[in-house]
N, C-alpha and C. Protein backbone atom coordinates (compact mmCIF):
# COMPACT_ATOMS: atom_id res chain seq x y z
N SER A 1 0.84 -1.21 0.00
CA SER A 1 0.00 0.00 0.00
C SER A 1 0.87 1.26 0.00
N SER A 2 1.89 1.23 0.84
CA SER A 2 2.75 2.43 0.94
C SER A 2 3.56 2.61 -0.35
N THR A 3 3.97 1.50 -0.97
CA THR A 3 4.74 1.61 -2.20
C THR A 3 3.87 2.15 -3.33
N CYS A 4 2.59 1.78 -3.34
CA CYS A 4 1.68 2.27 -4.37
C CYS A 4 1.47 3.77 -4.19
N CYS A 5 1.28 4.18 -2.96
CA CYS A 5 1.10 5.61 -2.67
C CYS A 5 2.36 6.38 -3.02
N LEU A 6 3.51 5.81 -2.67
CA LEU A 6 4.79 6.46 -2.95
C LEU A 6 5.01 6.58 -4.45
N ARG A 7 4.63 5.54 -5.19
CA ARG A 7 4.80 5.56 -6.65
C ARG A 7 3.90 6.62 -7.27
N ALA A 8 2.67 6.75 -6.78
CA ALA A 8 1.76 7.78 -7.30
C ALA A 8 2.31 9.17 -6.99
N LEU A 9 2.85 9.33 -5.79
CA LEU A 9 3.43 10.61 -5.40
C LEU A 9 4.63 10.95 -6.27
N LEU A 10 5.46 9.94 -6.54
CA LEU A 10 6.65 10.15 -7.37
C LEU A 10 6.27 10.52 -8.80
N SER A 11 5.25 9.84 -9.34
CA SER A 11 4.84 10.13 -10.72
C SER A 11 4.24 11.53 -10.81
N SER A 12 3.48 11.95 -9.80
CA SER A 12 2.89 13.29 -9.81
C SER A 12 3.99 14.35 -9.68
N ALA A 13 4.99 14.08 -8.85
CA ALA A 13 6.11 15.02 -8.70
C ALA A 13 6.91 15.08 -9.99
N ASN A 14 7.04 13.94 -10.68
CA ASN A 14 7.79 13.88 -11.92
C ASN A 14 7.08 14.70 -13.00
N SER A 15 5.76 14.56 -13.09
CA SER A 15 5.00 15.32 -14.09
C SER A 15 5.04 16.81 -13.73
N PHE A 16 4.99 17.13 -12.44
CA PHE A 16 5.05 18.53 -12.01
C PHE A 16 6.38 19.15 -12.39
N SER A 17 7.47 18.42 -12.17
CA SER A 17 8.79 18.96 -12.52
C SER A 17 8.92 19.11 -14.03
N ALA A 18 8.31 18.19 -14.79
CA ALA A 18 8.36 18.29 -16.26
C ALA A 18 7.62 19.55 -16.72
N VAL A 19 6.47 19.82 -16.12
CA VAL A 19 5.70 21.02 -16.46
C VAL A 19 6.48 22.27 -16.07
N TRP A 20 7.13 22.24 -14.89
CA TRP A 20 7.89 23.40 -14.41
C TRP A 20 9.07 23.68 -15.33
N VAL A 21 9.78 22.62 -15.71
CA VAL A 21 10.95 22.78 -16.59
C VAL A 21 10.53 23.28 -17.97
N SER A 22 9.42 22.75 -18.50
CA SER A 22 8.97 23.18 -19.82
C SER A 22 8.50 24.63 -19.79
N SER A 23 7.80 25.04 -18.72
CA SER A 23 7.35 26.43 -18.62
C SER A 23 8.54 27.36 -18.44
N LEU A 24 9.55 26.92 -17.69
CA LEU A 24 10.75 27.72 -17.51
C LEU A 24 11.49 27.87 -18.84
N GLY A 25 11.54 26.79 -19.62
CA GLY A 25 12.19 26.85 -20.94
C GLY A 25 11.46 27.81 -21.86
N VAL A 26 10.13 27.77 -21.86
CA VAL A 26 9.35 28.69 -22.70
C VAL A 26 9.60 30.13 -22.26
N PHE A 27 9.65 30.36 -20.95
CA PHE A 27 9.91 31.70 -20.42
C PHE A 27 11.28 32.20 -20.86
N LEU A 28 12.30 31.34 -20.76
CA LEU A 28 13.65 31.73 -21.16
C LEU A 28 13.73 32.00 -22.65
N VAL A 29 13.08 31.16 -23.47
CA VAL A 29 13.10 31.35 -24.92
C VAL A 29 12.39 32.66 -25.29
N ASN A 30 11.27 32.94 -24.64
CA ASN A 30 10.55 34.19 -24.92
C ASN A 30 11.40 35.40 -24.53
N GLY A 31 12.06 35.33 -23.38
CA GLY A 31 12.92 36.43 -22.95
C GLY A 31 14.11 36.61 -23.88
N TRP A 32 14.65 35.48 -24.38
CA TRP A 32 15.81 35.53 -25.29
C TRP A 32 15.39 36.15 -26.62
N VAL A 33 14.20 35.78 -27.11
CA VAL A 33 13.70 36.34 -28.38
C VAL A 33 13.44 37.84 -28.22
N ASP A 34 12.86 38.23 -27.08
CA ASP A 34 12.60 39.65 -26.84
C ASP A 34 13.91 40.42 -26.72
N TYR A 35 14.92 39.77 -26.13
CA TYR A 35 16.21 40.43 -25.96
C TYR A 35 16.86 40.71 -27.30
N TRP A 36 16.76 39.75 -28.23
CA TRP A 36 17.34 39.94 -29.55
C TRP A 36 16.37 40.72 -30.43
């Protein structure tokens, strides 16, 4: 039971970090385009 909960928590954290990294990348690319 605990491993299932832990796995769900890990997958949600993994998807959250993927969304955060992708949004950060979009922000950096937009700032870089505006800079140039």
